[in-house]
Protein backbone atom coordinates (compact mmCIF):
# COMPACT_ATOMS: atom_id res chain seq x y z
CA UNK A 1 4.58 -26.75 35.71
CA UNK A 2 5.29 -23.08 36.36
CA UNK A 3 7.14 -22.90 33.01
CA UNK A 4 4.08 -24.16 31.10
CA UNK A 5 1.77 -21.71 32.86
CA UNK A 6 4.07 -18.86 31.87
CA UNK A 7 4.08 -19.97 28.23
CA UNK A 8 0.28 -20.27 28.21
CA UNK A 9 -0.17 -16.82 29.72
CA UNK A 10 2.21 -15.32 27.16
CA UNK A 11 0.34 -16.97 24.29
CA UNK A 12 -2.96 -15.65 25.63
CA UNK A 13 -1.50 -12.12 25.87
CA UNK A 14 -0.22 -12.21 22.27
CA UNK A 15 -3.60 -13.46 21.03
CA UNK A 16 -5.42 -10.61 22.77
CA UNK A 17 -2.94 -7.93 21.67
CA UNK A 18 -3.92 -8.06 17.99
CA UNK A 19 -7.23 -8.59 16.24
CA UNK A 20 -7.56 -11.78 14.20
CA UNK A 21 -10.35 -13.13 11.97
CA UNK A 22 -12.81 -15.30 13.90
CA UNK A 23 -12.51 -19.00 13.04
CA UNK A 24 -15.42 -20.35 11.01
CA UNK A 25 -18.88 -18.88 11.35
CA UNK A 26 -21.19 -17.37 8.76
CA UNK A 27 -19.73 -15.05 6.17
CA UNK A 28 -20.29 -11.36 7.02
CA UNK A 29 -19.97 -9.04 3.98
CA UNK A 30 -21.12 -5.90 5.84
CA UNK A 31 -18.49 -3.31 6.83
CA UNK A 32 -18.31 -2.09 10.44
CA UNK A 33 -20.72 0.66 11.44
CA UNK A 34 -20.47 3.48 13.99
CA UNK A 35 -23.31 3.06 16.47
CA UNK A 36 -22.46 5.84 18.92
CA UNK A 37 -19.99 8.66 19.51
CA UNK A 38 -19.32 10.27 22.86
CA UNK A 39 -19.55 13.13 23.59
CA UNK A 40 -22.70 13.88 21.63
CA UNK A 41 -22.45 16.12 18.57
CA UNK A 42 -23.11 19.82 19.29
CA UNK A 43 -22.54 19.30 23.00
CA UNK A 44 -21.08 22.24 24.95
CA UNK A 45 -19.13 22.52 28.19
CA UNK A 46 -17.70 19.07 27.47
CA UNK A 47 -15.33 17.70 30.11
CA UNK A 48 -14.59 14.30 28.52
CA UNK A 49 -10.87 13.63 28.13
CA UNK A 50 -11.34 11.45 25.01
CA UNK A 51 -13.74 11.11 22.09
CA UNK A 52 -14.95 7.52 21.78
CA UNK A 53 -16.24 5.91 18.58
CA UNK A 54 -18.32 2.80 19.31
CA UNK A 55 -18.73 0.20 16.53
CA UNK A 56 -21.14 -2.68 16.02
CA UNK A 57 -18.28 -5.19 15.78
CA UNK A 58 -14.58 -5.59 16.44
CA UNK A 59 -12.38 -3.30 14.37
CA UNK A 60 -9.16 -4.54 12.82
CA UNK A 61 -6.18 -2.93 14.53
CA UNK A 62 -4.91 -2.13 11.03
CA UNK A 63 -6.88 -0.19 8.44
CA UNK A 64 -7.10 -1.03 4.75
CA UNK A 65 -3.64 -1.27 3.21
CA UNK A 66 -2.12 -2.08 6.64
CA UNK A 67 -2.18 1.57 7.68
CA UNK A 68 -2.13 2.55 11.32
CA UNK A 69 -5.57 3.12 12.85
CA UNK A 70 -4.43 6.61 13.90
CA UNK A 71 -4.20 7.60 10.21
CA UNK A 72 -8.00 7.51 9.99
CA UNK A 73 -8.70 10.25 12.53
CA UNK A 74 -8.44 14.04 12.31
CA UNK A 75 -8.68 16.27 15.37
CA UNK A 76 -9.31 19.91 14.52
CA UNK A 77 -7.90 22.28 15.68
CA UNK A 78 -4.74 20.23 15.57
CA UNK A 79 -1.62 20.19 17.74
CA UNK A 80 0.10 17.41 15.82
CA UNK A 81 -0.95 13.80 15.34
CA UNK A 82 -3.74 12.75 17.69
CA UNK A 83 -3.41 9.98 20.26
CA UNK A 84 -5.57 7.05 19.16
CA UNK A 85 -6.24 3.98 21.32
CA UNK A 86 -7.74 0.80 19.82
CA UNK A 87 -10.05 -1.14 22.14
CA UNK A 88 -11.54 -3.80 19.85
CA UNK A 89 -15.10 -2.48 19.21
CA UNK A 90 -14.33 1.09 20.25
CA UNK A 91 -11.59 3.60 19.49
CA UNK A 92 -10.60 6.51 21.72
CA UNK A 93 -9.19 9.72 20.27
CA UNK A 94 -7.73 12.81 21.95
CA UNK A 95 -5.30 15.61 21.10
CA UNK A 96 -1.67 15.06 22.02
CA UNK A 97 -1.84 17.71 24.75
CA UNK A 98 -5.50 17.18 25.68
CA UNK A 99 -8.53 19.30 24.87
CA UNK A 100 -8.09 23.03 25.47
CA UNK A 101 -10.71 24.99 27.41
CA UNK A 102 -13.28 27.16 25.59
CA UNK A 103 -12.49 25.58 22.23
CA UNK A 104 -14.77 24.05 19.59
CA UNK A 105 -13.46 20.75 18.22
CA UNK A 106 -14.24 18.61 15.19
CA UNK A 107 -13.10 14.98 15.35
CA UNK A 108 -13.41 13.16 12.02
CA UNK A 109 -13.27 9.46 11.26
CA UNK A 110 -12.13 8.99 7.66
CA UNK A 111 -13.25 6.08 5.44
CA UNK A 112 -11.02 3.02 5.40
CA UNK A 113 -11.29 1.14 8.71
CA UNK A 114 -11.96 -2.59 8.38
CA UNK A 115 -13.45 -5.37 10.48
CA UNK A 116 -11.76 -8.72 11.13
CA UNK A 117 -12.91 -10.00 7.72
CA UNK A 118 -11.41 -6.95 5.98
CA UNK A 119 -14.76 -5.39 5.07
CA UNK A 120 -13.91 -1.73 4.47
CA UNK A 121 -15.89 1.24 5.76
CA UNK A 122 -16.67 3.37 2.70
CA UNK A 123 -18.01 6.30 4.72
CA UNK A 124 -16.68 8.13 7.74
CA UNK A 125 -18.23 9.97 10.68
CA UNK A 126 -17.77 13.26 12.49
CA UNK A 127 -18.57 14.83 15.83
CA UNK A 128 -18.52 18.56 16.70
CA UNK A 129 -18.50 19.78 20.31
CA UNK A 130 -17.07 22.52 22.50
CA UNK A 131 -15.23 22.59 25.80
CA UNK A 132 -16.77 26.04 26.30
CA UNK A 133 -20.34 27.36 26.36
CA UNK A 134 -20.68 28.07 22.60
CA UNK A 135 -19.85 26.60 19.18
CA UNK A 136 -18.94 29.03 16.34
CA UNK A 137 -21.03 28.80 13.20
CA UNK A 138 -18.44 29.91 10.60
CA UNK A 139 -17.11 27.45 8.04
CA UNK A 140 -14.92 27.54 4.94
CA UNK A 141 -16.15 25.35 2.09
CA UNK A 142 -14.78 24.74 -1.37
CA UNK A 143 -13.40 22.28 -3.92
CA UNK A 144 -9.84 21.03 -4.35
CA UNK A 145 -8.74 20.19 -7.90
CA UNK A 146 -5.91 18.32 -9.54
CA UNK A 147 -5.19 21.29 -11.79
CA UNK A 148 -3.04 19.57 -14.41
CA UNK A 149 -5.44 16.63 -14.66
CA UNK A 150 -8.56 18.87 -14.74
CA UNK A 151 -10.31 16.67 -12.17
CA UNK A 152 -11.24 16.84 -8.48
CA UNK A 153 -8.47 16.12 -5.98
CA UNK A 154 -10.03 13.32 -3.95
CA UNK A 155 -8.85 12.70 -0.37
CA UNK A 156 -6.71 15.85 -0.32
CA UNK A 157 -5.61 17.12 3.10
CA UNK A 158 -7.04 20.61 3.68
CA UNK A 159 -5.63 22.95 6.34
CA UNK A 160 -6.83 26.32 7.61
CA UNK A 161 -4.01 28.02 9.54
CA UNK A 162 -4.28 31.21 11.61
CA UNK A 163 -1.52 33.80 11.91
CA UNK A 164 -0.54 32.32 15.29
CA UNK A 165 -0.22 28.83 13.68
CA UNK A 166 -3.43 27.25 14.99
CA UNK A 167 -4.44 24.65 12.39
CA UNK A 168 -7.87 23.24 11.50
CA UNK A 169 -7.99 20.08 9.38
CA UNK A 170 -10.34 18.41 6.91
CA UNK A 171 -10.17 16.01 3.99
CA UNK A 172 -11.81 16.43 0.59
CA UNK A 173 -14.29 13.80 -0.56
CA UNK A 174 -14.26 11.87 -3.85
CA UNK A 175 -15.57 14.97 -5.68
CA UNK A 176 -12.90 17.23 -4.16
CA UNK A 177 -15.38 19.01 -1.86
CA UNK A 178 -14.35 20.01 1.65
CA UNK A 179 -15.63 21.86 4.69
CA UNK A 180 -13.52 23.22 7.56
CA UNK A 181 -15.12 24.39 10.76
CA UNK A 182 -16.59 25.50 13.00
CA UNK A 183 -14.15 28.41 13.01
CA UNK A 184 -13.84 31.69 14.86
CA UNK A 185 -13.96 34.78 12.64
CA UNK A 186 -10.57 35.77 11.28
CA UNK A 187 -8.04 35.40 8.48
CA UNK A 188 -6.81 31.94 7.48
CA UNK A 189 -4.27 30.49 5.08
CA UNK A 190 -6.24 27.65 3.50
CA UNK A 191 -4.11 25.00 1.84
CA UNK A 192 -4.93 21.75 0.02
CA UNK A 193 -2.22 19.09 -0.21
CA UNK A 194 -2.24 15.88 -2.25
CA UNK A 195 -0.61 14.02 0.62
CA UNK A 196 1.00 11.17 -1.32
CA UNK A 197 2.85 9.62 1.63
CA UNK A 198 0.10 10.22 4.21
CA UNK A 199 2.29 12.06 6.73
CA UNK A 200 -0.07 15.08 6.86
CA UNK A 201 2.66 17.49 5.88
CA UNK A 202 3.69 19.23 2.65
CA UNK A 203 6.74 17.49 1.18
CA UNK A 204 8.85 18.29 -1.85
CA UNK A 205 7.22 17.48 -5.20
CA UNK A 206 3.76 17.08 -3.64
CA UNK A 207 0.96 19.01 -5.33
CA UNK A 208 -0.65 21.81 -3.33
CA UNK A 209 -2.34 25.18 -3.50
CA UNK A 210 -3.02 27.86 -0.90
CA UNK A 211 -5.28 30.87 -0.59
CA UNK A 212 -5.75 33.55 2.07
CA UNK A 213 -9.38 33.57 3.19
CA UNK A 214 -11.26 35.83 5.58
CA UNK A 215 -13.93 33.84 7.43
CA UNK A 216 -16.74 33.83 6.64
CA UNK A 217 -15.98 33.81 2.88
CA UNK A 218 -18.57 35.19 0.50
CA UNK A 219 -18.60 31.97 -1.57
CA UNK A 220 -16.97 28.53 -1.73
CA UNK A 221 -13.30 28.70 -2.64
CA UNK A 222 -11.33 26.83 -5.29
CA UNK A 223 -7.89 25.32 -4.66
CA UNK A 224 -5.84 24.25 -7.70
CA UNK A 225 -3.26 21.71 -6.59
CA UNK A 226 -0.15 21.17 -8.68
CA UNK A 227 3.55 20.50 -8.05
CA UNK A 228 5.39 23.82 -7.68
CA UNK A 229 9.02 24.86 -7.50
CA UNK A 230 11.02 28.07 -7.64
CA UNK A 231 12.68 27.45 -11.02
CA UNK A 232 11.39 29.28 -14.09
CA UNK A 233 10.24 27.25 -17.12
CA UNK A 234 12.79 26.70 -19.89
CA UNK A 235 12.36 25.60 -23.50
CA UNK A 236 13.00 21.87 -23.56
CA UNK A 237 12.55 21.20 -27.28
CA UNK A 238 11.24 22.72 -30.50
CA UNK A 239 9.65 20.64 -33.27
CA UNK A 240 8.40 21.86 -36.66
CA UNK A 241 4.72 21.05 -37.22
CA UNK A 242 4.54 22.30 -40.80
CA UNK A 243 6.28 24.97 -42.86
CA UNK A 244 4.48 27.79 -41.02
CA UNK A 245 4.39 26.58 -37.40
CA UNK A 246 6.56 25.01 -34.69
CA UNK A 247 5.71 23.54 -31.29
CA UNK A 248 7.75 24.67 -28.28
CA UNK A 249 7.80 22.32 -25.27
CA UNK A 250 8.78 23.60 -21.81
CA UNK A 251 10.28 21.61 -18.94
CA UNK A 252 7.71 23.00 -16.45
CA UNK A 253 4.08 24.11 -16.70
CA UNK A 254 3.41 27.71 -17.70
CA UNK A 255 1.18 29.97 -15.64
CA UNK A 256 -2.07 30.12 -17.67
CA UNK A 257 -2.81 33.53 -16.14
CA UNK A 258 0.37 35.05 -17.62
CA UNK A 259 1.21 33.13 -20.80
CA UNK A 260 4.01 34.50 -23.01
CA UNK A 261 2.61 36.40 -25.98
CA UNK A 262 3.87 35.97 -29.54
CA UNK A 263 6.07 39.06 -29.04
CA UNK A 264 7.89 37.29 -26.17
CA UNK A 265 9.47 34.88 -28.69
CA UNK A 266 12.29 35.48 -31.15
CA UNK A 267 13.00 33.12 -34.04
CA UNK A 268 16.26 33.47 -35.98
CA UNK A 269 16.92 31.62 -39.23
CA UNK A 270 20.14 30.31 -40.79
CA UNK A 271 20.81 33.73 -42.35
CA UNK A 272 20.60 35.37 -38.86
CA UNK A 273 17.47 37.22 -39.91
CA UNK A 274 14.60 37.37 -37.42
CA UNK A 275 11.30 35.77 -38.41
CA UNK A 276 8.15 37.23 -36.92
CA UNK A 277 5.95 35.06 -34.65
CA UNK A 278 2.33 35.83 -35.44
CA UNK A 279 0.57 33.76 -32.73
CA UNK A 280 1.29 31.62 -29.66
CA UNK A 281 -1.49 29.10 -28.99
CA UNK A 282 -2.05 26.79 -26.03
CA UNK A 283 -3.36 23.27 -26.77
CA UNK A 284 -6.90 24.42 -25.89
CA UNK A 285 -6.61 27.44 -28.18
CA UNK A 286 -5.21 25.20 -30.91
CA UNK A 287 -8.22 22.88 -30.66
CA UNK A 288 -10.60 25.85 -30.72
CA UNK A 289 -8.89 27.27 -33.83
CA UNK A 290 -9.13 23.90 -35.60
CA UNK A 291 -12.82 23.69 -34.71
CA UNK A 292 -13.44 27.11 -36.27
CA UNK A 293 -11.77 25.95 -39.51
CA UNK A 294 -13.88 22.78 -39.61
CA UNK A 295 -17.10 24.72 -38.98
CA UNK A 296 -16.23 27.31 -41.64
CA UNK A 297 -15.57 24.52 -44.17
CA UNK A 298 -18.91 22.90 -43.30
CA UNK A 299 -20.71 26.25 -43.75
CA UNK A 300 -19.04 26.69 -47.15
CA UNK A 301 -20.17 23.24 -48.25
CA UNK A 302 -23.75 23.94 -47.10
CA UNK A 303 -23.82 27.23 -49.04
CA UNK A 304 -22.52 25.51 -52.18
CA UNK A 305 -25.18 22.80 -51.86
CA UNK A 306 -27.87 25.43 -51.40
CA UNK A 307 -26.77 27.32 -54.54
CA UNK A 308 -26.64 24.10 -56.55
CA UNK A 309 -30.07 23.02 -55.32
CA UNK A 310 -28.74 19.88 -53.62
CA UNK A 311 -30.37 18.74 -50.37
CA UNK A 312 -28.31 19.75 -47.32
CA UNK A 313 -26.23 17.08 -45.61
CA UNK A 314 -27.74 15.83 -42.34
CA UNK A 315 -26.33 17.54 -39.27
CA UNK A 316 -24.13 15.29 -37.12
CA UNK A 317 -25.85 13.88 -34.03
CA UNK A 318 -24.46 15.28 -30.80
CA UNK A 319 -22.54 12.88 -28.61
CA UNK A 320 -24.39 11.52 -25.62
CA UNK A 321 -23.64 13.37 -22.40
CA UNK A 322 -21.73 11.37 -19.77
CA UNK A 323 -23.80 9.89 -16.97
CA UNK A 324 -21.86 11.82 -14.33
CA UNK A 325 -20.31 15.21 -15.04
CA UNK A 326 -17.43 16.10 -12.72
CA UNK A 327 -16.60 19.70 -12.02
CA UNK A 328 -13.58 21.21 -13.74
CA UNK A 329 -11.32 24.03 -12.57
CA UNK A 330 -12.45 27.53 -13.55
CA UNK A 331 -8.95 28.27 -14.90
CA UNK A 332 -7.57 26.18 -17.81
CA UNK A 333 -4.79 23.74 -16.89
CA UNK A 334 -1.19 25.00 -17.09
CA UNK A 335 0.19 24.13 -20.54
CA UNK A 336 3.66 22.75 -21.17
CA UNK A 337 3.54 23.35 -24.94
CA UNK A 338 2.75 26.30 -27.21
CA UNK A 339 2.10 26.24 -30.96
CA UNK A 340 3.91 29.17 -32.60
CA UNK A 341 2.73 30.37 -36.00
CA UNK A 342 5.38 32.15 -38.08
CA UNK A 343 5.22 34.79 -40.80
CA UNK A 344 7.15 32.99 -43.56
CA UNK A 345 7.82 29.35 -44.40
CA UNK A 346 10.71 27.49 -42.83
CA UNK A 347 13.55 26.37 -45.08
CA UNK A 348 14.02 22.59 -45.19
CA UNK A 349 17.22 21.11 -43.72
CA UNK A 350 18.10 24.40 -42.01
CA UNK A 351 18.99 25.22 -38.40
CA UNK A 352 16.96 27.80 -36.46
CA UNK A 353 17.16 29.23 -32.95
CA UNK A 354 14.06 29.98 -30.86
CA UNK A 355 14.30 32.16 -27.74
CA UNK A 356 11.70 33.24 -25.21
CA UNK A 357 12.27 36.52 -23.39
CA UNK A 358 10.03 35.76 -20.42
CA UNK A 359 8.15 32.57 -19.50
CA UNK A 360 6.40 32.51 -16.12
CA UNK A 361 5.87 29.33 -14.12
CA UNK A 362 3.24 28.35 -11.57
CA UNK A 363 5.39 29.63 -8.70
CA UNK A 364 5.49 33.10 -10.31
CA UNK A 365 9.17 32.90 -11.27
CA UNK A 366 9.95 34.10 -14.84
CA UNK A 367 13.02 33.43 -16.96
CA UNK A 368 14.41 33.36 -20.48
CA UNK A 369 15.81 30.47 -22.48
CA UNK A 370 16.52 29.38 -26.04
CA UNK A 371 16.82 26.19 -28.07
CA UNK A 372 18.10 25.36 -31.56
CA UNK A 373 16.35 22.98 -33.92
CA UNK A 374 16.76 21.72 -37.49
CA UNK A 375 13.98 21.38 -40.00
CA UNK A 376 13.66 18.02 -41.80
CA UNK A 377 14.93 17.42 -45.28
CA UNK A 378 12.32 17.49 -48.07
CA UNK A 379 11.10 14.07 -49.15
CA UNK A 380 12.86 12.86 -52.28
CA UNK A 381 10.77 12.82 -55.44
CA UNK A 382 9.50 9.38 -56.33
CA UNK A 383 10.86 9.53 -59.91
CA UNK A 384 14.38 10.45 -58.76
CA UNK A 385 14.68 7.56 -56.33
CA UNK A 386 12.97 4.90 -58.31
CA UNK A 387 15.47 2.46 -59.76
CA UNK A 388 14.68 1.46 -63.33
CA UNK A 389 15.23 -2.24 -63.79
CA UNK A 390 16.12 -3.06 -67.43
CA UNK A 391 13.83 -5.61 -68.97
CA UNK A 392 15.48 -8.55 -70.69
CA UNK A 393 13.80 -10.02 -73.73
CA UNK A 394 13.55 -13.76 -73.28
CA UNK A 395 15.37 -15.78 -75.95
CA UNK A 396 13.28 -16.82 -78.93
CA UNK A 397 12.51 -20.48 -78.89
CA UNK A 398 12.49 -22.27 -82.24
CA UNK A 399 9.08 -23.15 -83.57
CA UNK A 400 8.09 -26.81 -83.72
CA UNK A 401 8.33 -28.46 -87.16
CA UNK A 402 4.55 -28.55 -87.53
CA UNK A 403 4.39 -24.78 -87.26
CA UNK A 404 7.10 -24.12 -89.85
CA UNK A 405 5.93 -22.99 -93.26
């Protein structure tokens, strides 16, 4: 009998240790909702040892994607990962070493928690309070971008770090916007990280950007996240586009604020003579140059029609504007290719060597490199390759007797 009581008690303990979907009952499509947070927002002289988020229903002990519940909370200023305790319909949060005296805190619940039916919270919540008598009013706001993709960096981890390594945390929203604070006045290293593995640290090959900011800043800041390393860009390949231009591709993005000019390149032909580079265009500049040519051709056609007395062609209708316009970075994305225009035509089926004296990468490191390439052979003339098939005259068949004269 004692054995069966032990087994029953163990089963009851296991059932209570983890949340499980309720059996049967009406379907509930609504996500969980925060009904109360203690302490109250903007409270001062707080002595609570934990911040408690109260929900209107039981929360799953795993978030969406089977992440730990602790991954959905930020305590700022931070002293490492917070201690998070799940208690069914409430969750308690506190810093690893407890709340410090005379300090303003922001505790943020990020979107992503679920109920027992896996309904996901699409919005988060936040509480601001102080363990001292005042709450600072300074904040740092801005937008984090995926620089290479020219789009906002959603859900980026944003840090504001003081010179003595005190760190405030925030996360950008779906439009890349963020706000860190309240902060004391001072100088901060503000950094945005596309935290791919969710460990709240900058790892190798993760995109990031940083900027030194004096709080309060005069305006919102812009952080351009991109993968960075300490190796200078090198020419990866060179491909002829036509007889008067080639496209150079680099193995790393180029710094758009310090692009190599045409004079930074040297092109040598098969006779070892240098060929002048007249222009080095980024993809954006190439598109703009092509647009100018198209518009000039259209103007020429309109002038010719006007002189000839023909009615002008109808102007093209502008494309409809997108329903939602996302912000773009103020600086063009770092290119990995440049179109080089040259002074004289390339010789077919000849080998050339292109060198760059100085190409600067995103990290600020510059270097030189070179690459050889061969121009294609000219297409064979159609007449010279066409095989002439001799025609054979069919044998003459004898006429029938009725047709003989």
